[in-house]
Amino acid sequence: QVRLQESGGGSVPAGGALRLSCAASGFTQNTNCIAWFRQVPGKEREGVAAIYTAGVSTYYADSVKGRFTISRDNAKNTVYLEMNILKPEDTAMYYCAADSRRRCLDYGLGGPSQYGYWGQGTQVTVSS
């Protein structure tokens, strides 16, 4: 079993920055690909970024390229999402997800069905 815990959300003005953290515990050998998704009420969950934890591959949604950076600290079993130049449309609940099957290497960021483990989410609110 893998447990994922997000932290770092909050409220910032447009143009601001936040860093989200996703701490993995339990059977972390099953966290080969870790991704961040976001969701607003009434909309589908949207992939934001993903990282292959055993290598250097990263994947981003077009909407966040150049503004968000995903990184990892394997010693701490933690993945980070550095978010800069935040926009009101970035407002959402942000979720951390993990895939044990390394599918990000073949399919990139992918959709929610590619990930079998999920955290509870952390809210990000960007005011205009």
Protein backbone atom coordinates (compact mmCIF):
# COMPACT_ATOMS: atom_id res chain seq x y z
CA GLN A 1 0.00 0.00 0.00
CA VAL A 2 1.17 3.51 -0.79
CA ARG A 3 0.07 6.61 1.06
CA LEU A 4 0.43 10.05 -0.46
CA GLN A 5 0.13 13.26 1.51
CA GLU A 6 0.00 16.66 -0.17
CA SER A 7 0.86 19.94 1.49
CA GLY A 8 1.74 23.50 0.57
CA GLY A 9 -1.51 24.79 -0.86
CA GLY A 10 -2.85 28.21 -0.01
CA SER A 11 -4.16 31.51 -1.34
CA VAL A 12 -1.96 33.84 -3.36
CA PRO A 13 -2.52 36.81 -5.68
CA ALA A 14 -2.07 36.42 -9.42
CA GLY A 15 1.62 36.38 -10.31
CA GLY A 16 2.53 34.75 -7.03
CA ALA A 17 4.17 31.41 -6.35
CA LEU A 18 3.60 28.29 -4.27
CA ARG A 19 5.44 25.04 -3.76
CA LEU A 20 3.42 21.89 -3.25
CA SER A 21 4.87 18.77 -1.66
CA CYS A 22 3.79 15.16 -2.02
CA ALA A 23 5.22 12.84 0.61
CA ALA A 24 4.99 9.11 -0.10
CA SER A 25 5.02 6.44 2.57
CA GLY A 26 4.37 2.74 2.77
CA PHE A 27 5.41 0.60 -0.18
CA THR A 28 7.20 3.39 -2.01
CA GLN A 29 8.70 0.94 -4.48
CA ASN A 30 5.31 1.34 -6.18
CA THR A 31 5.82 5.02 -6.91
CA ASN A 32 7.74 4.85 -10.18
CA CYS A 33 5.78 7.68 -11.75
CA ILE A 34 4.31 10.46 -9.63
CA ALA A 35 2.04 13.12 -11.03
CA TRP A 36 0.11 16.17 -10.01
CA PHE A 37 -3.48 16.58 -11.11
CA ARG A 38 -5.93 19.35 -10.41
CA GLN A 39 -9.68 19.60 -10.37
CA VAL A 40 -12.30 22.29 -10.02
CA PRO A 41 -15.91 21.49 -9.16
CA GLY A 42 -17.87 20.34 -12.17
CA LYS A 43 -14.84 19.64 -14.31
CA GLU A 44 -12.74 16.58 -15.00
CA ARG A 45 -9.48 16.03 -13.19
CA GLU A 46 -6.67 17.51 -15.29
CA GLY A 47 -3.06 16.36 -15.43
CA VAL A 48 -0.52 19.05 -14.58
CA ALA A 49 2.90 17.40 -14.41
CA ALA A 50 4.55 14.03 -13.88
CA ILE A 51 7.99 12.72 -13.07
CA TYR A 52 9.71 9.36 -13.38
CA THR A 53 11.19 8.90 -9.93
CA ALA A 54 14.06 6.64 -11.01
CA GLY A 55 15.28 8.90 -13.81
CA VAL A 56 15.11 12.44 -15.13
CA SER A 57 11.99 12.33 -17.30
CA THR A 58 9.37 14.96 -16.64
CA TYR A 59 6.10 15.75 -18.38
CA TYR A 60 3.93 18.86 -18.33
CA ALA A 61 0.55 20.02 -19.50
CA ASP A 62 0.81 22.78 -22.09
CA SER A 63 -1.05 25.15 -19.78
CA VAL A 64 1.72 25.10 -17.17
CA LYS A 65 4.90 24.71 -19.25
CA GLY A 66 7.42 27.37 -18.38
CA ARG A 67 5.62 28.22 -15.12
CA PHE A 68 5.56 24.97 -13.12
CA THR A 69 8.46 22.67 -12.30
CA ILE A 70 8.17 19.15 -10.91
CA SER A 71 11.09 17.69 -9.00
CA ARG A 72 11.83 14.89 -6.57
CA ASP A 73 13.90 14.12 -3.51
CA ASN A 74 14.11 10.35 -3.39
CA ALA A 75 15.88 10.39 -0.02
CA LYS A 76 12.76 12.00 1.42
CA ASN A 77 10.30 10.12 -0.81
CA THR A 78 8.89 13.50 -1.73
CA VAL A 79 7.90 15.10 -5.02
CA TYR A 80 7.52 18.86 -5.35
CA LEU A 81 5.57 21.09 -7.68
CA GLU A 82 7.02 24.58 -7.89
CA MET A 83 4.34 26.89 -9.27
CA ASN A 84 5.29 30.36 -10.48
CA ILE A 85 3.45 33.17 -12.25
CA LEU A 86 0.20 31.77 -10.93
CA LYS A 87 -3.01 32.70 -12.69
CA PRO A 88 -6.61 32.68 -11.43
CA GLU A 89 -7.27 29.74 -13.76
CA ASP A 90 -4.76 27.71 -11.75
CA THR A 91 -7.22 27.73 -8.86
CA ALA A 92 -8.13 24.12 -8.08
CA MET A 93 -7.72 21.24 -5.68
CA TYR A 94 -4.33 19.73 -6.45
CA TYR A 95 -3.85 15.99 -6.07
CA CYS A 96 -0.75 13.85 -6.00
CA ALA A 97 -0.94 10.46 -7.74
CA ALA A 98 1.42 7.51 -8.16
CA ASP A 99 1.74 4.72 -10.70
CA SER A 100 3.67 1.53 -9.99
CA ARG A 101 3.96 0.49 -13.63
CA ARG A 102 6.16 3.24 -15.06
CA ARG A 103 3.53 4.08 -17.66
CA CYS A 104 4.66 7.69 -17.75
CA LEU A 105 7.70 6.51 -19.70
CA ASP A 106 5.42 5.26 -22.50
CA TYR A 107 2.42 7.56 -22.24
CA GLY A 108 3.74 10.72 -20.62
CA LEU A 109 1.55 12.55 -18.14
CA GLY A 110 -1.51 10.49 -19.07
CA GLY A 111 -4.92 10.60 -17.49
CA PRO A 112 -6.23 9.75 -14.02
CA SER A 113 -6.75 6.09 -14.91
CA GLN A 114 -2.99 5.69 -15.31
CA TYR A 115 -2.49 6.19 -11.57
CA GLY A 116 -3.54 3.80 -8.86
CA TYR A 117 -2.69 5.76 -5.73
CA TRP A 118 -4.03 9.17 -4.78
CA GLY A 119 -3.66 11.68 -2.00
CA GLN A 120 -6.43 13.72 -0.40
CA GLY A 121 -5.55 16.97 -2.17
CA THR A 122 -4.48 20.47 -1.25
CA GLN A 123 -6.36 23.61 -2.28
CA VAL A 124 -4.71 26.31 -4.35
CA THR A 125 -6.55 29.60 -4.78
CA VAL A 126 -5.22 32.39 -6.98
CA SER A 127 -6.98 35.73 -6.75
CA SER A 128 -7.08 38.28 -9.56
